Amino acid sequence: MKNRRTKALAIVTLILTSLGIAATARAQHPMPSRLDAGATADVLRLTPDALTWTDGPAMLPPGARMALIEGSPSQRVRSPFA
């Protein structure tokens, strides 16, 4: 019985030590202060004024507008569009 408690205590100690080390390592990495502070060059930032707006497809209610950012939804090839 004593041997079982010793093993359980050793496992709990190992887990807590690992969690402490991981928390310390994570705390050393600075986090961006703003949501967009870590932005990269791959991010495309557009405002509604910068887009070309057209009438939406017939399946949308009348008056709906849409802007195509990238790709083509009319192509038969399965390609991504946004």
C-alpha atoms as a PDB file:
ATOM      1  CA  MET A   1       0.000   0.000   0.000  1.00  0.00           C
ATOM      2  CA  LYS A   2       2.863   2.374   0.821  1.00  0.00           C
ATOM      3  CA  ASN A   3       4.474   1.616  -2.525  1.00  0.00           C
ATOM      4  CA  ARG A   4       1.245   2.547  -4.343  1.00  0.00           C
ATOM      5  CA  ARG A   5       1.007   5.903  -2.531  1.00  0.00           C
ATOM      6  CA  THR A   6       4.630   6.651  -3.307  1.00  0.00           C
ATOM      7  CA  LYS A   7       4.051   6.020  -7.020  1.00  0.00           C
ATOM      8  CA  ALA A   8       0.896   8.166  -7.023  1.00  0.00           C
ATOM      9  CA  LEU A   9       2.714  10.972  -5.220  1.00  0.00           C
ATOM     10  CA  ALA A  10       5.606  10.748  -7.682  1.00  0.00           C
ATOM     11  CA  ILE A  11       3.203  10.962 -10.656  1.00  0.00           C
ATOM     12  CA  VAL A  12       1.331  13.932  -9.196  1.00  0.00           C
ATOM     13  CA  THR A  13       4.629  15.685  -8.438  1.00  0.00           C
ATOM     14  CA  LEU A  14       5.856  15.043 -11.988  1.00  0.00           C
ATOM     15  CA  ILE A  15       2.647  16.407 -13.509  1.00  0.00           C
ATOM     16  CA  LEU A  16       2.636  19.542 -11.361  1.00  0.00           C
ATOM     17  CA  THR A  17       6.310  20.181 -12.073  1.00  0.00           C
ATOM     18  CA  SER A  18       5.716  19.792 -15.821  1.00  0.00           C
ATOM     19  CA  LEU A  19       2.783  22.201 -15.706  1.00  0.00           C
ATOM     20  CA  GLY A  20       4.860  24.738 -13.776  1.00  0.00           C
ATOM     21  CA  ILE A  21       7.709  24.545 -16.269  1.00  0.00           C
ATOM     22  CA  ALA A  22       5.319  24.869 -19.220  1.00  0.00           C
ATOM     23  CA  ALA A  23       3.603  27.894 -17.666  1.00  0.00           C
ATOM     24  CA  THR A  24       6.939  29.566 -17.035  1.00  0.00           C
ATOM     25  CA  ALA A  25       8.108  28.929 -20.601  1.00  0.00           C
ATOM     26  CA  ARG A  26       4.844  30.279 -22.032  1.00  0.00           C
ATOM     27  CA  ALA A  27       5.026  33.414 -19.878  1.00  0.00           C
ATOM     28  CA  GLN A  28       8.414  34.276 -21.380  1.00  0.00           C
ATOM     29  CA  HIS A  29       6.953  34.691 -24.888  1.00  0.00           C
ATOM     30  CA  PRO A  30       5.544  38.215 -25.319  1.00  0.00           C
ATOM     31  CA  MET A  31       1.964  38.348 -26.556  1.00  0.00           C
ATOM     32  CA  PRO A  32       0.844  41.085 -28.979  1.00  0.00           C
ATOM     33  CA  SER A  33      -0.847  43.921 -27.146  1.00  0.00           C
ATOM     34  CA  ARG A  34      -3.399  44.424 -29.935  1.00  0.00           C
ATOM     35  CA  LEU A  35      -5.294  41.920 -32.019  1.00  0.00           C
ATOM     36  CA  ASP A  36      -3.603  43.023 -35.252  1.00  0.00           C
ATOM     37  CA  ALA A  37      -0.136  43.585 -33.779  1.00  0.00           C
ATOM     38  CA  GLY A  38       1.139  40.235 -35.065  1.00  0.00           C
ATOM     39  CA  ALA A  39      -0.162  40.723 -38.609  1.00  0.00           C
ATOM     40  CA  THR A  40       1.965  39.462 -41.480  1.00  0.00           C
ATOM     41  CA  ALA A  41       2.417  40.567 -45.069  1.00  0.00           C
ATOM     42  CA  ASP A  42       0.017  37.800 -46.206  1.00  0.00           C
ATOM     43  CA  VAL A  43      -2.976  39.562 -44.670  1.00  0.00           C
ATOM     44  CA  LEU A  44      -5.108  41.556 -47.094  1.00  0.00           C
ATOM     45  CA  ARG A  45      -6.885  44.426 -45.365  1.00  0.00           C
ATOM     46  CA  LEU A  46      -9.747  45.981 -47.259  1.00  0.00           C
ATOM     47  CA  THR A  47     -12.355  48.539 -46.342  1.00  0.00           C
ATOM     48  CA  PRO A  48     -15.860  48.522 -47.865  1.00  0.00           C
ATOM     49  CA  ASP A  49     -14.927  51.611 -49.889  1.00  0.00           C
ATOM     50  CA  ALA A  50     -12.014  49.774 -51.531  1.00  0.00           C
ATOM     51  CA  LEU A  51     -14.264  47.004 -52.926  1.00  0.00           C
ATOM     52  CA  THR A  52     -16.256  46.959 -56.143  1.00  0.00           C
ATOM     53  CA  TRP A  53     -19.854  46.225 -55.164  1.00  0.00           C
ATOM     54  CA  THR A  54     -22.322  44.599 -57.570  1.00  0.00           C
ATOM     55  CA  ASP A  55     -25.883  43.336 -57.336  1.00  0.00           C
ATOM     56  CA  GLY A  56     -26.131  40.018 -55.564  1.00  0.00           C
ATOM     57  CA  PRO A  57     -27.233  36.787 -57.246  1.00  0.00           C
ATOM     58  CA  ALA A  58     -30.926  36.119 -57.849  1.00  0.00           C
ATOM     59  CA  MET A  59     -31.115  33.742 -54.881  1.00  0.00           C
ATOM     60  CA  LEU A  60     -30.561  36.667 -52.483  1.00  0.00           C
ATOM     61  CA  PRO A  61     -33.311  39.132 -51.586  1.00  0.00           C
ATOM     62  CA  PRO A  62     -33.782  42.161 -53.858  1.00  0.00           C
ATOM     63  CA  GLY A  63     -31.351  44.954 -53.061  1.00  0.00           C
ATOM     64  CA  ALA A  64     -28.626  42.623 -51.760  1.00  0.00           C
ATOM     65  CA  ARG A  65     -25.132  43.635 -52.829  1.00  0.00           C
ATOM     66  CA  MET A  66     -21.892  41.643 -52.939  1.00  0.00           C
ATOM     67  CA  ALA A  67     -18.207  42.241 -53.536  1.00  0.00           C
ATOM     68  CA  LEU A  68     -15.848  39.593 -54.837  1.00  0.00           C
ATOM     69  CA  ILE A  69     -12.452  39.770 -53.184  1.00  0.00           C
ATOM     70  CA  GLU A  70     -10.683  36.844 -54.833  1.00  0.00           C
ATOM     71  CA  GLY A  71     -11.448  33.998 -57.240  1.00  0.00           C
ATOM     72  CA  SER A  72     -14.520  33.457 -59.380  1.00  0.00           C
ATOM     73  CA  PRO A  73     -17.717  31.732 -58.233  1.00  0.00           C
ATOM     74  CA  SER A  74     -18.816  31.276 -61.887  1.00  0.00           C
ATOM     75  CA  GLN A  75     -15.974  28.890 -62.807  1.00  0.00           C
ATOM     76  CA  ARG A  76     -16.893  25.215 -63.011  1.00  0.00           C
ATOM     77  CA  VAL A  77     -13.505  24.262 -61.561  1.00  0.00           C
ATOM     78  CA  ARG A  78     -13.624  23.880 -57.792  1.00  0.00           C
ATOM     79  CA  SER A  79     -11.553  26.842 -56.781  1.00  0.00           C
ATOM     80  CA  PRO A  80     -11.883  28.889 -53.606  1.00  0.00           C
ATOM     81  CA  PHE A  81     -13.417  32.309 -53.770  1.00  0.00           C
ATOM     82  CA  ALA A  82     -14.242  34.878 -51.139  1.00  0.00           C
END
